[in-house]
Amino acid sequence: MLIGERISLRVATKSDAEMLLGWYNIPEYWGDFYNVWPTSIEAVEERIRKWHENEGNLYIITDRATSEPMGTGGYYSPHAASYRTVFPDFEVWYHVRPQFRRQGVASQTARLLIN
């Protein structure tokens, strides 16, 4: 678990799949042009499993005071394993639920993942 001032990041598990499926099927969660994620419980469970296998991680962003889930964030290596010596980079990403946007949640998530 990564702990910040207001939020904490915990690794997503299979038990989070139903919650994530609900978020993934709400267009406001992704925005108008980004609803491309899995839309079945099996696909979400597979996505969680693959994050752990591909040199990355998927975290659930939670409010430290209430433990309420606020969104997701994570990192991954966008390049195939055969290119890691040439491109040893990682991408950091996050999605914040609409009601928690513009409150510094994404900024704190990025700082925790980078640090």
N, C-alpha and C. Protein backbone atom coordinates (compact mmCIF):
# COMPACT_ATOMS: atom_id res chain seq x y z
N MET A 1 0.85 -1.18 0.00
CA MET A 1 0.00 0.00 0.00
C MET A 1 0.89 1.24 0.00
N LEU A 2 0.48 2.22 -0.78
CA LEU A 2 1.16 3.51 -0.81
C LEU A 2 0.25 4.51 -0.10
N ILE A 3 0.83 5.31 0.80
CA ILE A 3 0.02 6.21 1.62
C ILE A 3 0.45 7.65 1.40
N GLY A 4 -0.53 8.48 1.06
CA GLY A 4 -0.30 9.90 0.87
C GLY A 4 -1.00 10.71 1.96
N GLU A 5 -1.07 12.02 1.76
CA GLU A 5 -1.71 12.89 2.74
C GLU A 5 -3.20 12.61 2.86
N ARG A 6 -3.88 12.55 1.74
CA ARG A 6 -5.33 12.36 1.74
C ARG A 6 -5.76 10.99 1.23
N ILE A 7 -4.93 10.39 0.39
CA ILE A 7 -5.31 9.14 -0.26
C ILE A 7 -4.33 8.02 0.06
N SER A 8 -4.77 6.81 -0.24
CA SER A 8 -3.85 5.68 -0.23
C SER A 8 -4.15 4.87 -1.49
N LEU A 9 -3.14 4.15 -1.92
CA LEU A 9 -3.25 3.30 -3.10
C LEU A 9 -3.05 1.87 -2.66
N ARG A 10 -4.02 1.03 -2.96
CA ARG A 10 -3.87 -0.38 -2.64
C ARG A 10 -3.96 -1.17 -3.94
N VAL A 11 -3.25 -2.27 -3.99
CA VAL A 11 -3.24 -3.10 -5.19
C VAL A 11 -4.63 -3.67 -5.43
N ALA A 12 -5.10 -3.57 -6.66
CA ALA A 12 -6.39 -4.14 -7.02
C ALA A 12 -6.31 -5.66 -7.00
N THR A 13 -7.38 -6.28 -6.57
CA THR A 13 -7.47 -7.74 -6.54
C THR A 13 -8.74 -8.18 -7.27
N LYS A 14 -8.87 -9.47 -7.44
CA LYS A 14 -10.04 -10.04 -8.11
C LYS A 14 -11.33 -9.60 -7.42
N SER A 15 -11.28 -9.38 -6.12
CA SER A 15 -12.49 -8.96 -5.40
C SER A 15 -12.94 -7.54 -5.78
N ASP A 16 -12.08 -6.78 -6.47
CA ASP A 16 -12.44 -5.44 -6.93
C ASP A 16 -13.11 -5.46 -8.30
N ALA A 17 -13.15 -6.60 -8.94
CA ALA A 17 -13.62 -6.68 -10.33
C ALA A 17 -15.04 -6.15 -10.51
N GLU A 18 -15.95 -6.50 -9.63
CA GLU A 18 -17.34 -6.05 -9.77
C GLU A 18 -17.44 -4.52 -9.67
N MET A 19 -16.73 -3.94 -8.72
CA MET A 19 -16.73 -2.48 -8.57
C MET A 19 -16.15 -1.83 -9.83
N LEU A 20 -15.03 -2.35 -10.31
CA LEU A 20 -14.39 -1.79 -11.50
C LEU A 20 -15.28 -1.92 -12.72
N LEU A 21 -15.95 -3.05 -12.85
CA LEU A 21 -16.86 -3.23 -13.98
C LEU A 21 -17.92 -2.14 -13.98
N GLY A 22 -18.47 -1.83 -12.81
CA GLY A 22 -19.45 -0.75 -12.72
C GLY A 22 -18.88 0.58 -13.18
N TRP A 23 -17.66 0.89 -12.75
CA TRP A 23 -17.03 2.15 -13.17
C TRP A 23 -16.75 2.14 -14.67
N TYR A 24 -16.23 1.03 -15.18
CA TYR A 24 -15.84 0.95 -16.59
C TYR A 24 -17.03 1.14 -17.53
N ASN A 25 -18.23 0.82 -17.06
CA ASN A 25 -19.41 0.93 -17.91
C ASN A 25 -20.15 2.25 -17.74
N ILE A 26 -19.54 3.21 -17.04
CA ILE A 26 -20.10 4.54 -16.90
C ILE A 26 -19.26 5.48 -17.77
N PRO A 27 -19.81 6.00 -18.84
CA PRO A 27 -19.02 6.84 -19.75
C PRO A 27 -18.33 8.02 -19.05
N GLU A 28 -18.95 8.59 -18.02
CA GLU A 28 -18.35 9.73 -17.32
C GLU A 28 -17.04 9.36 -16.64
N TYR A 29 -16.87 8.11 -16.29
CA TYR A 29 -15.62 7.68 -15.65
C TYR A 29 -14.45 7.85 -16.62
N TRP A 30 -14.64 7.47 -17.86
CA TRP A 30 -13.57 7.54 -18.86
C TRP A 30 -13.55 8.85 -19.63
N GLY A 31 -14.69 9.46 -19.81
CA GLY A 31 -14.79 10.61 -20.69
C GLY A 31 -15.44 10.17 -21.99
N ASP A 32 -15.72 11.12 -22.83
CA ASP A 32 -16.49 10.85 -24.05
C ASP A 32 -15.79 9.94 -25.05
N PHE A 33 -14.46 9.89 -25.05
CA PHE A 33 -13.76 9.18 -26.11
C PHE A 33 -12.86 8.06 -25.62
N TYR A 34 -13.05 7.57 -24.40
CA TYR A 34 -12.08 6.61 -23.87
C TYR A 34 -12.71 5.37 -23.25
N ASN A 35 -13.94 5.07 -23.55
CA ASN A 35 -14.60 3.90 -22.96
C ASN A 35 -14.26 2.65 -23.77
N VAL A 36 -13.01 2.18 -23.62
CA VAL A 36 -12.53 1.04 -24.40
C VAL A 36 -12.13 -0.14 -23.53
N TRP A 37 -12.49 -0.12 -22.27
CA TRP A 37 -12.06 -1.17 -21.35
C TRP A 37 -13.03 -2.32 -21.34
N PRO A 38 -12.66 -3.43 -20.71
CA PRO A 38 -13.51 -4.63 -20.68
C PRO A 38 -14.89 -4.35 -20.09
N THR A 39 -15.87 -5.04 -20.62
CA THR A 39 -17.23 -4.81 -20.14
C THR A 39 -17.90 -6.08 -19.62
N SER A 40 -17.13 -7.09 -19.28
CA SER A 40 -17.69 -8.27 -18.62
C SER A 40 -16.85 -8.54 -17.38
N ILE A 41 -17.43 -9.21 -16.40
CA ILE A 41 -16.71 -9.48 -15.16
C ILE A 41 -15.47 -10.33 -15.43
N GLU A 42 -15.58 -11.28 -16.35
CA GLU A 42 -14.43 -12.13 -16.69
C GLU A 42 -13.31 -11.32 -17.33
N ALA A 43 -13.67 -10.37 -18.17
CA ALA A 43 -12.66 -9.53 -18.81
C ALA A 43 -11.96 -8.63 -17.79
N VAL A 44 -12.70 -8.11 -16.83
CA VAL A 44 -12.09 -7.27 -15.80
C VAL A 44 -11.15 -8.11 -14.93
N GLU A 45 -11.58 -9.30 -14.53
CA GLU A 45 -10.71 -10.18 -13.74
C GLU A 45 -9.43 -10.50 -14.49
N GLU A 46 -9.55 -10.75 -15.79
CA GLU A 46 -8.37 -11.03 -16.62
C GLU A 46 -7.46 -9.80 -16.69
N ARG A 47 -8.06 -8.64 -16.81
CA ARG A 47 -7.28 -7.39 -16.86
C ARG A 47 -6.49 -7.20 -15.57
N ILE A 48 -7.10 -7.44 -14.43
CA ILE A 48 -6.40 -7.32 -13.14
C ILE A 48 -5.23 -8.29 -13.10
N ARG A 49 -5.46 -9.53 -13.53
CA ARG A 49 -4.40 -10.54 -13.54
C ARG A 49 -3.24 -10.12 -14.45
N LYS A 50 -3.56 -9.60 -15.62
CA LYS A 50 -2.51 -9.21 -16.57
C LYS A 50 -1.68 -8.03 -16.07
N TRP A 51 -2.28 -7.11 -15.32
CA TRP A 51 -1.50 -5.98 -14.79
C TRP A 51 -0.34 -6.51 -13.96
N HIS A 52 -0.59 -7.52 -13.16
CA HIS A 52 0.43 -8.05 -12.27
C HIS A 52 1.51 -8.82 -13.03
N GLU A 53 1.20 -9.28 -14.22
CA GLU A 53 2.16 -10.07 -15.00
C GLU A 53 3.04 -9.21 -15.91
N ASN A 54 2.62 -8.02 -16.23
CA ASN A 54 3.28 -7.22 -17.26
C ASN A 54 4.09 -6.05 -16.71
N GLU A 55 4.82 -6.29 -15.65
CA GLU A 55 5.67 -5.25 -15.07
C GLU A 55 4.93 -3.95 -14.82
N GLY A 56 3.80 -4.06 -14.20
CA GLY A 56 3.01 -2.89 -13.87
C GLY A 56 2.14 -3.21 -12.68
N ASN A 57 1.25 -2.31 -12.39
CA ASN A 57 0.32 -2.57 -11.32
C ASN A 57 -0.90 -1.70 -11.49
N LEU A 58 -2.01 -2.18 -10.97
CA LEU A 58 -3.28 -1.48 -10.96
C LEU A 58 -3.64 -1.25 -9.50
N TYR A 59 -3.83 0.00 -9.13
CA TYR A 59 -4.15 0.36 -7.76
C TYR A 59 -5.56 0.94 -7.68
N ILE A 60 -6.19 0.74 -6.54
CA ILE A 60 -7.45 1.41 -6.22
C ILE A 60 -7.07 2.62 -5.35
N ILE A 61 -7.50 3.80 -5.78
CA ILE A 61 -7.27 5.02 -5.01
C ILE A 61 -8.38 5.11 -3.97
N THR A 62 -8.01 5.24 -2.70
CA THR A 62 -9.02 5.34 -1.65
C THR A 62 -8.78 6.57 -0.79
N ASP A 63 -9.86 7.10 -0.26
CA ASP A 63 -9.80 8.21 0.69
C ASP A 63 -9.29 7.66 2.01
N ARG A 64 -8.24 8.24 2.56
CA ARG A 64 -7.68 7.73 3.81
C ARG A 64 -8.64 7.85 4.98
N ALA A 65 -9.46 8.89 5.00
CA ALA A 65 -10.35 9.11 6.14
C ALA A 65 -11.56 8.19 6.11
N THR A 66 -12.09 7.90 4.91
CA THR A 66 -13.33 7.13 4.82
C THR A 66 -13.17 5.76 4.16
N SER A 67 -12.03 5.52 3.54
CA SER A 67 -11.76 4.29 2.76
C SER A 67 -12.62 4.19 1.51
N GLU A 68 -13.30 5.27 1.14
CA GLU A 68 -14.13 5.24 -0.07
C GLU A 68 -13.25 5.17 -1.31
N PRO A 69 -13.56 4.28 -2.24
CA PRO A 69 -12.80 4.20 -3.49
C PRO A 69 -13.03 5.46 -4.33
N MET A 70 -11.95 6.06 -4.80
CA MET A 70 -12.02 7.31 -5.54
C MET A 70 -11.63 7.17 -7.00
N GLY A 71 -11.06 6.04 -7.37
CA GLY A 71 -10.64 5.85 -8.75
C GLY A 71 -9.57 4.78 -8.84
N THR A 72 -8.85 4.79 -9.95
CA THR A 72 -7.78 3.83 -10.18
C THR A 72 -6.54 4.55 -10.67
N GLY A 73 -5.42 3.92 -10.50
CA GLY A 73 -4.17 4.46 -11.00
C GLY A 73 -3.17 3.33 -11.10
N GLY A 74 -2.07 3.60 -11.75
CA GLY A 74 -1.06 2.56 -11.84
C GLY A 74 0.08 2.95 -12.75
N TYR A 75 0.84 1.95 -13.12
CA TYR A 75 1.97 2.14 -14.01
C TYR A 75 2.18 0.85 -14.79
N TYR A 76 2.83 0.96 -15.92
CA TYR A 76 3.18 -0.22 -16.70
C TYR A 76 4.30 0.14 -17.68
N SER A 77 4.94 -0.86 -18.18
CA SER A 77 5.95 -0.68 -19.22
C SER A 77 5.26 -0.89 -20.56
N PRO A 78 5.25 0.15 -21.41
CA PRO A 78 4.51 0.04 -22.67
C PRO A 78 5.24 -0.75 -23.75
N HIS A 79 6.48 -1.15 -23.49
CA HIS A 79 7.27 -1.83 -24.51
C HIS A 79 7.39 -3.32 -24.22
N ALA A 80 7.49 -4.09 -25.26
CA ALA A 80 7.65 -5.53 -25.12
C ALA A 80 8.94 -5.84 -24.36
N ALA A 81 8.94 -6.96 -23.68
CA ALA A 81 10.10 -7.36 -22.87
C ALA A 81 11.39 -7.35 -23.69
N SER A 82 11.32 -7.67 -24.96
CA SER A 82 12.53 -7.72 -25.79
C SER A 82 13.13 -6.33 -26.04
N TYR A 83 12.38 -5.27 -25.77
CA TYR A 83 12.88 -3.91 -25.97
C TYR A 83 13.22 -3.19 -24.67
N ARG A 84 13.11 -3.84 -23.53
CA ARG A 84 13.30 -3.17 -22.24
C ARG A 84 14.70 -2.60 -22.06
N THR A 85 15.72 -3.21 -22.67
CA THR A 85 17.06 -2.63 -22.53
C THR A 85 17.18 -1.33 -23.31
N VAL A 86 16.42 -1.17 -24.37
CA VAL A 86 16.45 0.04 -25.18
C VAL A 86 15.46 1.08 -24.64
N PHE A 87 14.30 0.63 -24.21
CA PHE A 87 13.24 1.50 -23.71
C PHE A 87 12.86 1.08 -22.29
N PRO A 88 13.65 1.45 -21.28
CA PRO A 88 13.36 1.02 -19.90
C PRO A 88 12.41 1.96 -19.17
N ASP A 89 11.40 2.44 -19.86
CA ASP A 89 10.51 3.42 -19.26
C ASP A 89 9.21 2.80 -18.77
N PHE A 90 8.49 3.57 -17.98
CA PHE A 90 7.18 3.18 -17.48
C PHE A 90 6.22 4.34 -17.70
N GLU A 91 4.96 4.03 -17.88
CA GLU A 91 3.93 5.05 -17.97
C GLU A 91 3.12 5.04 -16.68
N VAL A 92 2.83 6.22 -16.18
CA VAL A 92 1.98 6.39 -15.00
C VAL A 92 0.62 6.88 -15.50
N TRP A 93 -0.45 6.33 -14.94
CA TRP A 93 -1.79 6.73 -15.37
C TRP A 93 -2.73 6.74 -14.17
N TYR A 94 -3.86 7.40 -14.34
CA TYR A 94 -4.87 7.45 -13.29
C TYR A 94 -6.21 7.84 -13.91
N HIS A 95 -7.28 7.41 -13.26
CA HIS A 95 -8.65 7.81 -13.59
C HIS A 95 -9.35 8.05 -12.26
N VAL A 96 -9.90 9.24 -12.11
CA VAL A 96 -10.56 9.62 -10.87
C VAL A 96 -12.07 9.69 -11.13
N ARG A 97 -12.83 9.13 -10.23
CA ARG A 97 -14.29 9.18 -10.36
C ARG A 97 -14.73 10.64 -10.40
N PRO A 98 -15.75 10.95 -11.21
CA PRO A 98 -16.15 12.35 -11.41
C PRO A 98 -16.36 13.17 -10.14
N GLN A 99 -16.95 12.60 -9.09
CA GLN A 99 -17.24 13.37 -7.89
C GLN A 99 -15.98 13.72 -7.08
N PHE A 100 -14.84 13.13 -7.43
CA PHE A 100 -13.59 13.41 -6.70
C PHE A 100 -12.59 14.21 -7.54
N ARG A 101 -12.99 14.62 -8.72
CA ARG A 101 -12.09 15.39 -9.58
C ARG A 101 -11.92 16.81 -9.07
N ARG A 102 -10.81 17.41 -9.46
CA ARG A 102 -10.47 18.80 -9.11
C ARG A 102 -10.28 18.99 -7.60
N GLN A 103 -9.79 17.92 -6.95
CA GLN A 103 -9.53 17.97 -5.51
C GLN A 103 -8.10 17.53 -5.20
N GLY A 104 -7.26 17.42 -6.21
CA GLY A 104 -5.87 17.03 -6.01
C GLY A 104 -5.63 15.53 -5.94
N VAL A 105 -6.66 14.73 -6.18
CA VAL A 105 -6.52 13.28 -6.09
C VAL A 105 -5.57 12.75 -7.16
N ALA A 106 -5.73 13.19 -8.39
CA ALA A 106 -4.85 12.72 -9.47
C ALA A 106 -3.41 13.16 -9.24
N SER A 107 -3.21 14.38 -8.80
CA SER A 107 -1.85 14.87 -8.54
C SER A 107 -1.17 14.05 -7.45
N GLN A 108 -1.90 13.77 -6.37
CA GLN A 108 -1.30 12.99 -5.29
C GLN A 108 -1.05 11.54 -5.73
N THR A 109 -1.95 10.99 -6.55
CA THR A 109 -1.74 9.65 -7.08
C THR A 109 -0.47 9.60 -7.92
N ALA A 110 -0.28 10.56 -8.79
CA ALA A 110 0.92 10.59 -9.63
C ALA A 110 2.18 10.71 -8.76
N ARG A 111 2.14 11.57 -7.75
CA ARG A 111 3.32 11.72 -6.87
C ARG A 111 3.65 10.42 -6.15
N LEU A 112 2.64 9.74 -5.63
CA LEU A 112 2.89 8.47 -4.93
C LEU A 112 3.47 7.43 -5.89
N LEU A 113 2.95 7.34 -7.09
CA LEU A 113 3.45 6.35 -8.03
C LEU A 113 4.88 6.67 -8.48
N ILE A 114 5.19 7.93 -8.67
CA ILE A 114 6.53 8.32 -9.10
C ILE A 114 7.54 8.13 -7.97
N ASN A 115 7.17 8.54 -6.77
CA ASN A 115 8.08 8.39 -5.65
C ASN A 115 8.29 6.94 -5.29
